[in-house]
Amino acid sequence: NSLAEAIVMTAGEIGEKKVLLTGGCFQNRYLTEKTVARLQGEGFE
C-alpha cells in the first residue's frame, strides 16, 4: 500500500495525468491493482 501511495504522491509532484505502470514489479497483481485504484481515485489516467 505504501508503494502505491508513493507513486500517487510522486505523480502529483510531477503533474502528468497519464501514468504508465511497467517493469517486472508490475507483474505483482496486488501492487498493480492497488496503484491503479489509487491513481484513478486521485484523478490520474
ModelCIF file with pLDDT and N, C-alpha, C, O atoms, coordinates in Angstrom:
data_MODEL
#
_entry.id   MODEL 
#
_entity.id                         1 
_entity.type                       polymer 
_entity.pdbx_number_of_molecules   1 
#
_entity_poly.entity_id                      1 
_entity_poly.type                           'polypeptide(L)' 
_entity_poly.nstd_linkage                   no 
_entity_poly.nstd_monomer                   no 
_entity_poly.pdbx_seq_one_letter_code       NSLAEAIVMTAGEIGEKKVLLTGGCFQNRYLTEKTVARLQGEGFE 
_entity_poly.pdbx_seq_one_letter_code_can   NSLAEAIVMTAGEIGEKKVLLTGGCFQNRYLTEKTVARLQGEGFE 
_entity_poly.pdbx_strand_id                 A 
#
loop_
_entity_poly_seq.entity_id 
_entity_poly_seq.num 
_entity_poly_seq.mon_id 
_entity_poly_seq.hetero 
1 1  ASN n 
1 2  SER n 
1 3  LEU n 
1 4  ALA n 
1 5  GLU n 
1 6  ALA n 
1 7  ILE n 
1 8  VAL n 
1 9  MET n 
1 10 THR n 
1 11 ALA n 
1 12 GLY n 
1 13 GLU n 
1 14 ILE n 
1 15 GLY n 
1 16 GLU n 
1 17 LYS n 
1 18 LYS n 
1 19 VAL n 
1 20 LEU n 
1 21 LEU n 
1 22 THR n 
1 23 GLY n 
1 24 GLY n 
1 25 CYS n 
1 26 PHE n 
1 27 GLN n 
1 28 ASN n 
1 29 ARG n 
1 30 TYR n 
1 31 LEU n 
1 32 THR n 
1 33 GLU n 
1 34 LYS n 
1 35 THR n 
1 36 VAL n 
1 37 ALA n 
1 38 ARG n 
1 39 LEU n 
1 40 GLN n 
1 41 GLY n 
1 42 GLU n 
1 43 GLY n 
1 44 PHE n 
1 45 GLU n 
#
_struct_asym.id          A 
_struct_asym.entity_id   1 
#
loop_
_ma_qa_metric.id 
_ma_qa_metric.mode 
_ma_qa_metric.name 
_ma_qa_metric.software_group_id 
_ma_qa_metric.type 
1 global pLDDT . pLDDT 
2 local  pLDDT . pLDDT 
#
_ma_qa_metric_global.metric_id      1 
_ma_qa_metric_global.metric_value   97.71 
_ma_qa_metric_global.model_id       1 
_ma_qa_metric_global.ordinal_id     1 
#
loop_
_ma_qa_metric_local.label_asym_id 
_ma_qa_metric_local.label_comp_id 
_ma_qa_metric_local.label_seq_id 
_ma_qa_metric_local.metric_id 
_ma_qa_metric_local.metric_value 
_ma_qa_metric_local.model_id 
_ma_qa_metric_local.ordinal_id 
A ASN 1  2 98.00 1 1  
A SER 2  2 98.00 1 2  
A LEU 3  2 98.00 1 3  
A ALA 4  2 98.00 1 4  
A GLU 5  2 98.00 1 5  
A ALA 6  2 98.00 1 6  
A ILE 7  2 98.00 1 7  
A VAL 8  2 98.00 1 8  
A MET 9  2 97.00 1 9  
A THR 10 2 97.00 1 10 
A ALA 11 2 98.00 1 11 
A GLY 12 2 97.00 1 12 
A GLU 13 2 95.00 1 13 
A ILE 14 2 96.00 1 14 
A GLY 15 2 96.00 1 15 
A GLU 16 2 97.00 1 16 
A LYS 17 2 98.00 1 17 
A LYS 18 2 98.00 1 18 
A VAL 19 2 98.00 1 19 
A LEU 20 2 98.00 1 20 
A LEU 21 2 98.00 1 21 
A THR 22 2 98.00 1 22 
A GLY 23 2 98.00 1 23 
A GLY 24 2 98.00 1 24 
A CYS 25 2 98.00 1 25 
A PHE 26 2 98.00 1 26 
A GLN 27 2 97.00 1 27 
A ASN 28 2 98.00 1 28 
A ARG 29 2 97.00 1 29 
A TYR 30 2 98.00 1 30 
A LEU 31 2 98.00 1 31 
A THR 32 2 98.00 1 32 
A GLU 33 2 98.00 1 33 
A LYS 34 2 98.00 1 34 
A THR 35 2 98.00 1 35 
A VAL 36 2 98.00 1 36 
A ALA 37 2 98.00 1 37 
A ARG 38 2 98.00 1 38 
A LEU 39 2 98.00 1 39 
A GLN 40 2 98.00 1 40 
A GLY 41 2 98.00 1 41 
A GLU 42 2 98.00 1 42 
A GLY 43 2 98.00 1 43 
A PHE 44 2 98.00 1 44 
A GLU 45 2 98.00 1 45 
#
loop_
_atom_site.group_PDB 
_atom_site.id 
_atom_site.type_symbol 
_atom_site.label_atom_id 
_atom_site.label_alt_id 
_atom_site.label_comp_id 
_atom_site.label_asym_id 
_atom_site.label_entity_id 
_atom_site.label_seq_id 
_atom_site.pdbx_PDB_ins_code 
_atom_site.Cartn_x 
_atom_site.Cartn_y 
_atom_site.Cartn_z 
_atom_site.occupancy 
_atom_site.B_iso_or_equiv 
_atom_site.pdbx_formal_charge 
_atom_site.auth_seq_id 
_atom_site.auth_comp_id 
_atom_site.auth_asym_id 
_atom_site.auth_atom_id 
_atom_site.pdbx_PDB_model_num 
ATOM 1   N N  . ASN A 1 1  ? 0.826  -1.210 0.000   1.00 98.00 ? 1  ASN A N  1 
ATOM 2   C CA . ASN A 1 1  ? 0.000  0.000  0.000   1.00 98.00 ? 1  ASN A CA 1 
ATOM 3   C C  . ASN A 1 1  ? 0.860  1.260  0.000   1.00 98.00 ? 1  ASN A C  1 
ATOM 4   O O  . ASN A 1 1  ? 0.517  2.259  -0.633  1.00 98.00 ? 1  ASN A O  1 
ATOM 5   N N  . SER A 1 2  ? 1.972  1.202  0.713   1.00 98.00 ? 2  SER A N  1 
ATOM 6   C CA . SER A 1 2  ? 2.878  2.354  0.803   1.00 98.00 ? 2  SER A CA 1 
ATOM 7   C C  . SER A 1 2  ? 3.493  2.675  -0.553  1.00 98.00 ? 2  SER A C  1 
ATOM 8   O O  . SER A 1 2  ? 3.627  3.842  -0.920  1.00 98.00 ? 2  SER A O  1 
ATOM 9   N N  . LEU A 1 3  ? 3.865  1.638  -1.293  1.00 98.00 ? 3  LEU A N  1 
ATOM 10  C CA . LEU A 1 3  ? 4.444  1.858  -2.613  1.00 98.00 ? 3  LEU A CA 1 
ATOM 11  C C  . LEU A 1 3  ? 3.423  2.493  -3.553  1.00 98.00 ? 3  LEU A C  1 
ATOM 12  O O  . LEU A 1 3  ? 3.759  3.384  -4.334  1.00 98.00 ? 3  LEU A O  1 
ATOM 13  N N  . ALA A 1 4  ? 2.174  2.030  -3.474  1.00 98.00 ? 4  ALA A N  1 
ATOM 14  C CA . ALA A 1 4  ? 1.118  2.626  -4.297  1.00 98.00 ? 4  ALA A CA 1 
ATOM 15  C C  . ALA A 1 4  ? 0.944  4.104  -3.948  1.00 98.00 ? 4  ALA A C  1 
ATOM 16  O O  . ALA A 1 4  ? 0.807  4.945  -4.836  1.00 98.00 ? 4  ALA A O  1 
ATOM 17  N N  . GLU A 1 5  ? 0.951  4.416  -2.652  1.00 98.00 ? 5  GLU A N  1 
ATOM 18  C CA . GLU A 1 5  ? 0.810  5.811  -2.231  1.00 98.00 ? 5  GLU A CA 1 
ATOM 19  C C  . GLU A 1 5  ? 1.992  6.649  -2.705  1.00 98.00 ? 5  GLU A C  1 
ATOM 20  O O  . GLU A 1 5  ? 1.817  7.806  -3.089  1.00 98.00 ? 5  GLU A O  1 
ATOM 21  N N  . ALA A 1 6  ? 3.192  6.077  -2.681  1.00 98.00 ? 6  ALA A N  1 
ATOM 22  C CA . ALA A 1 6  ? 4.381  6.806  -3.129  1.00 98.00 ? 6  ALA A CA 1 
ATOM 23  C C  . ALA A 1 6  ? 4.266  7.159  -4.620  1.00 98.00 ? 6  ALA A C  1 
ATOM 24  O O  . ALA A 1 6  ? 4.675  8.243  -5.037  1.00 98.00 ? 6  ALA A O  1 
ATOM 25  N N  . ILE A 1 7  ? 3.715  6.249  -5.410  1.00 98.00 ? 7  ILE A N  1 
ATOM 26  C CA . ILE A 1 7  ? 3.532  6.519  -6.840  1.00 98.00 ? 7  ILE A CA 1 
ATOM 27  C C  . ILE A 1 7  ? 2.541  7.660  -7.035  1.00 98.00 ? 7  ILE A C  1 
ATOM 28  O O  . ILE A 1 7  ? 2.769  8.550  -7.854  1.00 98.00 ? 7  ILE A O  1 
ATOM 29  N N  . VAL A 1 8  ? 1.440  7.634  -6.284  1.00 98.00 ? 8  VAL A N  1 
ATOM 30  C CA . VAL A 1 8  ? 0.434  8.697  -6.386  1.00 98.00 ? 8  VAL A CA 1 
ATOM 31  C C  . VAL A 1 8  ? 1.035  10.039 -5.973  1.00 98.00 ? 8  VAL A C  1 
ATOM 32  O O  . VAL A 1 8  ? 0.826  11.051 -6.642  1.00 98.00 ? 8  VAL A O  1 
ATOM 33  N N  . MET A 1 9  ? 1.783  10.043 -4.868  1.00 97.00 ? 9  MET A N  1 
ATOM 34  C CA . MET A 1 9  ? 2.410  11.273 -4.389  1.00 97.00 ? 9  MET A CA 1 
ATOM 35  C C  . MET A 1 9  ? 3.391  11.835 -5.416  1.00 97.00 ? 9  MET A C  1 
ATOM 36  O O  . MET A 1 9  ? 3.422  13.040 -5.662  1.00 97.00 ? 9  MET A O  1 
ATOM 37  N N  . THR A 1 10 ? 4.186  10.954 -6.008  1.00 97.00 ? 10 THR A N  1 
ATOM 38  C CA . THR A 1 10 ? 5.186  11.392 -6.975  1.00 97.00 ? 10 THR A CA 1 
ATOM 39  C C  . THR A 1 10 ? 4.521  11.905 -8.248  1.00 97.00 ? 10 THR A C  1 
ATOM 40  O O  . THR A 1 10 ? 4.945  12.915 -8.809  1.00 97.00 ? 10 THR A O  1 
ATOM 41  N N  . ALA A 1 11 ? 3.483  11.213 -8.704  1.00 98.00 ? 11 ALA A N  1 
ATOM 42  C CA . ALA A 1 11 ? 2.750  11.688 -9.887  1.00 98.00 ? 11 ALA A CA 1 
ATOM 43  C C  . ALA A 1 11 ? 2.181  13.079 -9.633  1.00 98.00 ? 11 ALA A C  1 
ATOM 44  O O  . ALA A 1 11 ? 2.166  13.918 -10.534 1.00 98.00 ? 11 ALA A O  1 
ATOM 45  N N  . GLY A 1 12 ? 1.715  13.326 -8.418  1.00 97.00 ? 12 GLY A N  1 
ATOM 46  C CA . GLY A 1 12 ? 1.212  14.650 -8.075  1.00 97.00 ? 12 GLY A CA 1 
ATOM 47  C C  . GLY A 1 12 ? 2.303  15.704 -8.124  1.00 97.00 ? 12 GLY A C  1 
ATOM 48  O O  . GLY A 1 12 ? 2.056  16.837 -8.538  1.00 97.00 ? 12 GLY A O  1 
ATOM 49  N N  . GLU A 1 13 ? 3.521  15.335 -7.699  1.00 95.00 ? 13 GLU A N  1 
ATOM 50  C CA . GLU A 1 13 ? 4.646  16.268 -7.751  1.00 95.00 ? 13 GLU A CA 1 
ATOM 51  C C  . GLU A 1 13 ? 5.032  16.592 -9.193  1.00 95.00 ? 13 GLU A C  1 
ATOM 52  O O  . GLU A 1 13 ? 5.356  17.735 -9.515  1.00 95.00 ? 13 GLU A O  1 
ATOM 53  N N  . ILE A 1 14 ? 4.996  15.582 -10.053 1.00 96.00 ? 14 ILE A N  1 
ATOM 54  C CA . ILE A 1 14 ? 5.412  15.773 -11.448 1.00 96.00 ? 14 ILE A CA 1 
ATOM 55  C C  . ILE A 1 14 ? 4.328  16.504 -12.229 1.00 96.00 ? 14 ILE A C  1 
ATOM 56  O O  . ILE A 1 14 ? 4.627  17.355 -13.067 1.00 96.00 ? 14 ILE A O  1 
ATOM 57  N N  . GLY A 1 15 ? 3.056  16.170 -11.950 1.00 96.00 ? 15 GLY A N  1 
ATOM 58  C CA . GLY A 1 15 ? 1.962  16.878 -12.596 1.00 96.00 ? 15 GLY A CA 1 
ATOM 59  C C  . GLY A 1 15 ? 1.554  16.367 -13.951 1.00 96.00 ? 15 GLY A C  1 
ATOM 60  O O  . GLY A 1 15 ? 0.960  17.108 -14.734 1.00 96.00 ? 15 GLY A O  1 
ATOM 61  N N  . GLU A 1 16 ? 1.859  15.099 -14.258 1.00 97.00 ? 16 GLU A N  1 
ATOM 62  C CA . GLU A 1 16 ? 1.433  14.491 -15.535 1.00 97.00 ? 16 GLU A CA 1 
ATOM 63  C C  . GLU A 1 16 ? 0.283  13.540 -15.252 1.00 97.00 ? 16 GLU A C  1 
ATOM 64  O O  . GLU A 1 16 ? 0.383  12.663 -14.393 1.00 97.00 ? 16 GLU A O  1 
ATOM 65  N N  . LYS A 1 17 ? -0.823 13.726 -15.993 1.00 98.00 ? 17 LYS A N  1 
ATOM 66  C CA . LYS A 1 17 ? -2.030 12.945 -15.731 1.00 98.00 ? 17 LYS A CA 1 
ATOM 67  C C  . LYS A 1 17 ? -1.926 11.507 -16.230 1.00 98.00 ? 17 LYS A C  1 
ATOM 68  O O  . LYS A 1 17 ? -2.445 10.599 -15.581 1.00 98.00 ? 17 LYS A O  1 
ATOM 69  N N  . LYS A 1 18 ? -1.270 11.278 -17.364 1.00 98.00 ? 18 LYS A N  1 
ATOM 70  C CA . LYS A 1 18 ? -1.152 9.922  -17.912 1.00 98.00 ? 18 LYS A CA 1 
ATOM 71  C C  . LYS A 1 18 ? 0.024  9.214  -17.240 1.00 98.00 ? 18 LYS A C  1 
ATOM 72  O O  . LYS A 1 18 ? 1.179  9.593  -17.431 1.00 98.00 ? 18 LYS A O  1 
ATOM 73  N N  . VAL A 1 19 ? -0.282 8.183  -16.450 1.00 98.00 ? 19 VAL A N  1 
ATOM 74  C CA . VAL A 1 19 ? 0.737  7.481  -15.670 1.00 98.00 ? 19 VAL A CA 1 
ATOM 75  C C  . VAL A 1 19 ? 0.762  6.016  -16.087 1.00 98.00 ? 19 VAL A C  1 
ATOM 76  O O  . VAL A 1 19 ? -0.249 5.321  -15.983 1.00 98.00 ? 19 VAL A O  1 
ATOM 77  N N  . LEU A 1 20 ? 1.923  5.542  -16.563 1.00 98.00 ? 20 LEU A N  1 
ATOM 78  C CA . LEU A 1 20 ? 2.081  4.166  -17.034 1.00 98.00 ? 20 LEU A CA 1 
ATOM 79  C C  . LEU A 1 20 ? 2.808  3.335  -15.992 1.00 98.00 ? 20 LEU A C  1 
ATOM 80  O O  . LEU A 1 20 ? 3.777  3.796  -15.388 1.00 98.00 ? 20 LEU A O  1 
ATOM 81  N N  . LEU A 1 21 ? 2.347  2.121  -15.783 1.00 98.00 ? 21 LEU A N  1 
ATOM 82  C CA . LEU A 1 21 ? 2.984  1.191  -14.850 1.00 98.00 ? 21 LEU A CA 1 
ATOM 83  C C  . LEU A 1 21 ? 3.632  0.075  -15.651 1.00 98.00 ? 21 LEU A C  1 
ATOM 84  O O  . LEU A 1 21 ? 2.941  -0.672 -16.343 1.00 98.00 ? 21 LEU A O  1 
ATOM 85  N N  . THR A 1 22 ? 4.945  -0.046 -15.566 1.00 98.00 ? 22 THR A N  1 
ATOM 86  C CA . THR A 1 22 ? 5.659  -1.025 -16.370 1.00 98.00 ? 22 THR A CA 1 
ATOM 87  C C  . THR A 1 22 ? 6.880  -1.550 -15.622 1.00 98.00 ? 22 THR A C  1 
ATOM 88  O O  . THR A 1 22 ? 7.287  -0.984 -14.608 1.00 98.00 ? 22 THR A O  1 
ATOM 89  N N  . GLY A 1 23 ? 7.456  -2.627 -16.127 1.00 98.00 ? 23 GLY A N  1 
ATOM 90  C CA . GLY A 1 23 ? 8.581  -3.277 -15.456 1.00 98.00 ? 23 GLY A CA 1 
ATOM 91  C C  . GLY A 1 23 ? 8.116  -4.492 -14.674 1.00 98.00 ? 23 GLY A C  1 
ATOM 92  O O  . GLY A 1 23 ? 6.932  -4.633 -14.369 1.00 98.00 ? 23 GLY A O  1 
ATOM 93  N N  . GLY A 1 24 ? 9.056  -5.363 -14.354 1.00 98.00 ? 24 GLY A N  1 
ATOM 94  C CA . GLY A 1 24 ? 8.731  -6.639 -13.727 1.00 98.00 ? 24 GLY A CA 1 
ATOM 95  C C  . GLY A 1 24 ? 7.966  -6.542 -12.427 1.00 98.00 ? 24 GLY A C  1 
ATOM 96  O O  . GLY A 1 24 ? 7.206  -7.452 -12.096 1.00 98.00 ? 24 GLY A O  1 
ATOM 97  N N  . CYS A 1 25 ? 8.148  -5.445 -11.666 1.00 98.00 ? 25 CYS A N  1 
ATOM 98  C CA . CYS A 1 25 ? 7.430  -5.308 -10.393 1.00 98.00 ? 25 CYS A CA 1 
ATOM 99  C C  . CYS A 1 25 ? 5.927  -5.260 -10.596 1.00 98.00 ? 25 CYS A C  1 
ATOM 100 O O  . CYS A 1 25 ? 5.166  -5.584 -9.685  1.00 98.00 ? 25 CYS A O  1 
ATOM 101 N N  . PHE A 1 26 ? 5.491  -4.856 -11.787 1.00 98.00 ? 26 PHE A N  1 
ATOM 102 C CA . PHE A 1 26 ? 4.050  -4.764 -12.030 1.00 98.00 ? 26 PHE A CA 1 
ATOM 103 C C  . PHE A 1 26 ? 3.473  -6.057 -12.602 1.00 98.00 ? 26 PHE A C  1 
ATOM 104 O O  . PHE A 1 26 ? 2.359  -6.067 -13.127 1.00 98.00 ? 26 PHE A O  1 
ATOM 105 N N  . GLN A 1 27 ? 4.230  -7.141 -12.498 1.00 97.00 ? 27 GLN A N  1 
ATOM 106 C CA . GLN A 1 27 ? 3.636  -8.471 -12.590 1.00 97.00 ? 27 GLN A CA 1 
ATOM 107 C C  . GLN A 1 27 ? 2.888  -8.792 -11.291 1.00 97.00 ? 27 GLN A C  1 
ATOM 108 O O  . GLN A 1 27 ? 2.068  -9.708 -11.235 1.00 97.00 ? 27 GLN A O  1 
ATOM 109 N N  . ASN A 1 28 ? 3.190  -8.022 -10.270 1.00 98.00 ? 28 ASN A N  1 
ATOM 110 C CA . ASN A 1 28 ? 2.566  -8.156 -8.958  1.00 98.00 ? 28 ASN A CA 1 
ATOM 111 C C  . ASN A 1 28 ? 1.141  -7.597 -9.047  1.00 98.00 ? 28 ASN A C  1 
ATOM 112 O O  . ASN A 1 28 ? 0.954  -6.385 -9.148  1.00 98.00 ? 28 ASN A O  1 
ATOM 113 N N  . ARG A 1 29 ? 0.152  -8.470 -9.009  1.00 97.00 ? 29 ARG A N  1 
ATOM 114 C CA . ARG A 1 29 ? -1.236 -8.044 -9.190  1.00 97.00 ? 29 ARG A CA 1 
ATOM 115 C C  . ARG A 1 29 ? -1.696 -7.129 -8.064  1.00 97.00 ? 29 ARG A C  1 
ATOM 116 O O  . ARG A 1 29 ? -2.376 -6.131 -8.306  1.00 97.00 ? 29 ARG A O  1 
ATOM 117 N N  . TYR A 1 30 ? -1.325 -7.471 -6.833  1.00 98.00 ? 30 TYR A N  1 
ATOM 118 C CA . TYR A 1 30 ? -1.741 -6.647 -5.692  1.00 98.00 ? 30 TYR A CA 1 
ATOM 119 C C  . TYR A 1 30 ? -1.249 -5.220 -5.879  1.00 98.00 ? 30 TYR A C  1 
ATOM 120 O O  . TYR A 1 30 ? -2.026 -4.274 -5.753  1.00 98.00 ? 30 TYR A O  1 
ATOM 121 N N  . LEU A 1 31 ? 0.045  -5.057 -6.179  1.00 98.00 ? 31 LEU A N  1 
ATOM 122 C CA . LEU A 1 31 ? 0.625  -3.728 -6.344  1.00 98.00 ? 31 LEU A CA 1 
ATOM 123 C C  . LEU A 1 31 ? -0.025 -2.983 -7.510  1.00 98.00 ? 31 LEU A C  1 
ATOM 124 O O  . LEU A 1 31 ? -0.350 -1.801 -7.393  1.00 98.00 ? 31 LEU A O  1 
ATOM 125 N N  . THR A 1 32 ? -0.214 -3.676 -8.632  1.00 98.00 ? 32 THR A N  1 
ATOM 126 C CA . THR A 1 32 ? -0.785 -3.027 -9.812  1.00 98.00 ? 32 THR A CA 1 
ATOM 127 C C  . THR A 1 32 ? -2.218 -2.574 -9.558  1.00 98.00 ? 32 THR A C  1 
ATOM 128 O O  . THR A 1 32 ? -2.568 -1.430 -9.849  1.00 98.00 ? 32 THR A O  1 
ATOM 129 N N  . GLU A 1 33 ? -3.046 -3.463 -9.017  1.00 98.00 ? 33 GLU A N  1 
ATOM 130 C CA . GLU A 1 33 ? -4.444 -3.108 -8.794  1.00 98.00 ? 33 GLU A CA 1 
ATOM 131 C C  . GLU A 1 33 ? -4.583 -1.996 -7.761  1.00 98.00 ? 33 GLU A C  1 
ATOM 132 O O  . GLU A 1 33 ? -5.400 -1.090 -7.926  1.00 98.00 ? 33 GLU A O  1 
ATOM 133 N N  . LYS A 1 34 ? -3.791 -2.065 -6.704  1.00 98.00 ? 34 LYS A N  1 
ATOM 134 C CA . LYS A 1 34 ? -3.842 -1.033 -5.673  1.00 98.00 ? 34 LYS A CA 1 
ATOM 135 C C  . LYS A 1 34 ? -3.419 0.323  -6.244  1.00 98.00 ? 34 LYS A C  1 
ATOM 136 O O  . LYS A 1 34 ? -4.045 1.345  -5.962  1.00 98.00 ? 34 LYS A O  1 
ATOM 137 N N  . THR A 1 35 ? -2.349 0.322  -7.050  1.00 98.00 ? 35 THR A N  1 
ATOM 138 C CA . THR A 1 35 ? -1.846 1.571  -7.618  1.00 98.00 ? 35 THR A CA 1 
ATOM 139 C C  . THR A 1 35 ? -2.839 2.163  -8.618  1.00 98.00 ? 35 THR A C  1 
ATOM 140 O O  . THR A 1 35 ? -3.093 3.367  -8.608  1.00 98.00 ? 35 THR A O  1 
ATOM 141 N N  . VAL A 1 36 ? -3.396 1.319  -9.474  1.00 98.00 ? 36 VAL A N  1 
ATOM 142 C CA . VAL A 1 36 ? -4.377 1.795  -10.459 1.00 98.00 ? 36 VAL A CA 1 
ATOM 143 C C  . VAL A 1 36 ? -5.582 2.413  -9.757  1.00 98.00 ? 36 VAL A C  1 
ATOM 144 O O  . VAL A 1 36 ? -6.050 3.483  -10.149 1.00 98.00 ? 36 VAL A O  1 
ATOM 145 N N  . ALA A 1 37 ? -6.083 1.747  -8.727  1.00 98.00 ? 37 ALA A N  1 
ATOM 146 C CA . ALA A 1 37 ? -7.246 2.259  -7.999  1.00 98.00 ? 37 ALA A CA 1 
ATOM 147 C C  . ALA A 1 37 ? -6.941 3.602  -7.337  1.00 98.00 ? 37 ALA A C  1 
ATOM 148 O O  . ALA A 1 37 ? -7.765 4.516  -7.370  1.00 98.00 ? 37 ALA A O  1 
ATOM 149 N N  . ARG A 1 38 ? -5.759 3.718  -6.737  1.00 98.00 ? 38 ARG A N  1 
ATOM 150 C CA . ARG A 1 38 ? -5.404 4.969  -6.066  1.00 98.00 ? 38 ARG A CA 1 
ATOM 151 C C  . ARG A 1 38 ? -5.184 6.103  -7.078  1.00 98.00 ? 38 ARG A C  1 
ATOM 152 O O  . ARG A 1 38 ? -5.580 7.242  -6.829  1.00 98.00 ? 38 ARG A O  1 
ATOM 153 N N  . LEU A 1 39 ? -4.560 5.793  -8.208  1.00 98.00 ? 39 LEU A N  1 
ATOM 154 C CA . LEU A 1 39 ? -4.359 6.816  -9.243  1.00 98.00 ? 39 LEU A CA 1 
ATOM 155 C C  . LEU A 1 39 ? -5.699 7.303  -9.783  1.00 98.00 ? 39 LEU A C  1 
ATOM 156 O O  . LEU A 1 39 ? -5.909 8.505  -9.943  1.00 98.00 ? 39 LEU A O  1 
ATOM 157 N N  . GLN A 1 40 ? -6.599 6.371  -10.063 1.00 98.00 ? 40 GLN A N  1 
ATOM 158 C CA . GLN A 1 40 ? -7.924 6.755  -10.546 1.00 98.00 ? 40 GLN A CA 1 
ATOM 159 C C  . GLN A 1 40 ? -8.650 7.602  -9.508  1.00 98.00 ? 40 GLN A C  1 
ATOM 160 O O  . GLN A 1 40 ? -9.314 8.578  -9.854  1.00 98.00 ? 40 GLN A O  1 
ATOM 161 N N  . GLY A 1 41 ? -8.525 7.234  -8.249  1.00 98.00 ? 41 GLY A N  1 
ATOM 162 C CA . GLY A 1 41 ? -9.180 7.974  -7.184  1.00 98.00 ? 41 GLY A CA 1 
ATOM 163 C C  . GLY A 1 41 ? -8.689 9.402  -7.046  1.00 98.00 ? 41 GLY A C  1 
ATOM 164 O O  . GLY A 1 41 ? -9.407 10.271 -6.550  1.00 98.00 ? 41 GLY A O  1 
ATOM 165 N N  . GLU A 1 42 ? -7.446 9.643  -7.493  1.00 98.00 ? 42 GLU A N  1 
ATOM 166 C CA . GLU A 1 42 ? -6.862 10.984 -7.402  1.00 98.00 ? 42 GLU A CA 1 
ATOM 167 C C  . GLU A 1 42 ? -6.931 11.739 -8.727  1.00 98.00 ? 42 GLU A C  1 
ATOM 168 O O  . GLU A 1 42 ? -6.337 12.808 -8.864  1.00 98.00 ? 42 GLU A O  1 
ATOM 169 N N  . GLY A 1 43 ? -7.653 11.189 -9.698  1.00 98.00 ? 43 GLY A N  1 
ATOM 170 C CA . GLY A 1 43 ? -7.876 11.906 -10.951 1.00 98.00 ? 43 GLY A CA 1 
ATOM 171 C C  . GLY A 1 43 ? -6.832 11.693 -12.026 1.00 98.00 ? 43 GLY A C  1 
ATOM 172 O O  . GLY A 1 43 ? -6.830 12.412 -13.026 1.00 98.00 ? 43 GLY A O  1 
ATOM 173 N N  . PHE A 1 44 ? -5.942 10.725 -11.852 1.00 98.00 ? 44 PHE A N  1 
ATOM 174 C CA . PHE A 1 44 ? -4.955 10.423 -12.884 1.00 98.00 ? 44 PHE A CA 1 
ATOM 175 C C  . PHE A 1 44 ? -5.526 9.415  -13.880 1.00 98.00 ? 44 PHE A C  1 
ATOM 176 O O  . PHE A 1 44 ? -6.563 8.801  -13.630 1.00 98.00 ? 44 PHE A O  1 
ATOM 177 N N  . GLU A 1 45 ? -4.844 9.253  -15.001 1.00 98.00 ? 45 GLU A N  1 
ATOM 178 C CA . GLU A 1 45 ? -5.226 8.265  -16.009 1.00 98.00 ? 45 GLU A CA 1 
ATOM 179 C C  . GLU A 1 45 ? -4.171 7.159  -16.009 1.00 98.00 ? 45 GLU A C  1 
ATOM 180 O O  . GLU A 1 45 ? -4.276 6.206  -16.781 1.00 98.00 ? 45 GLU A O  1 
#
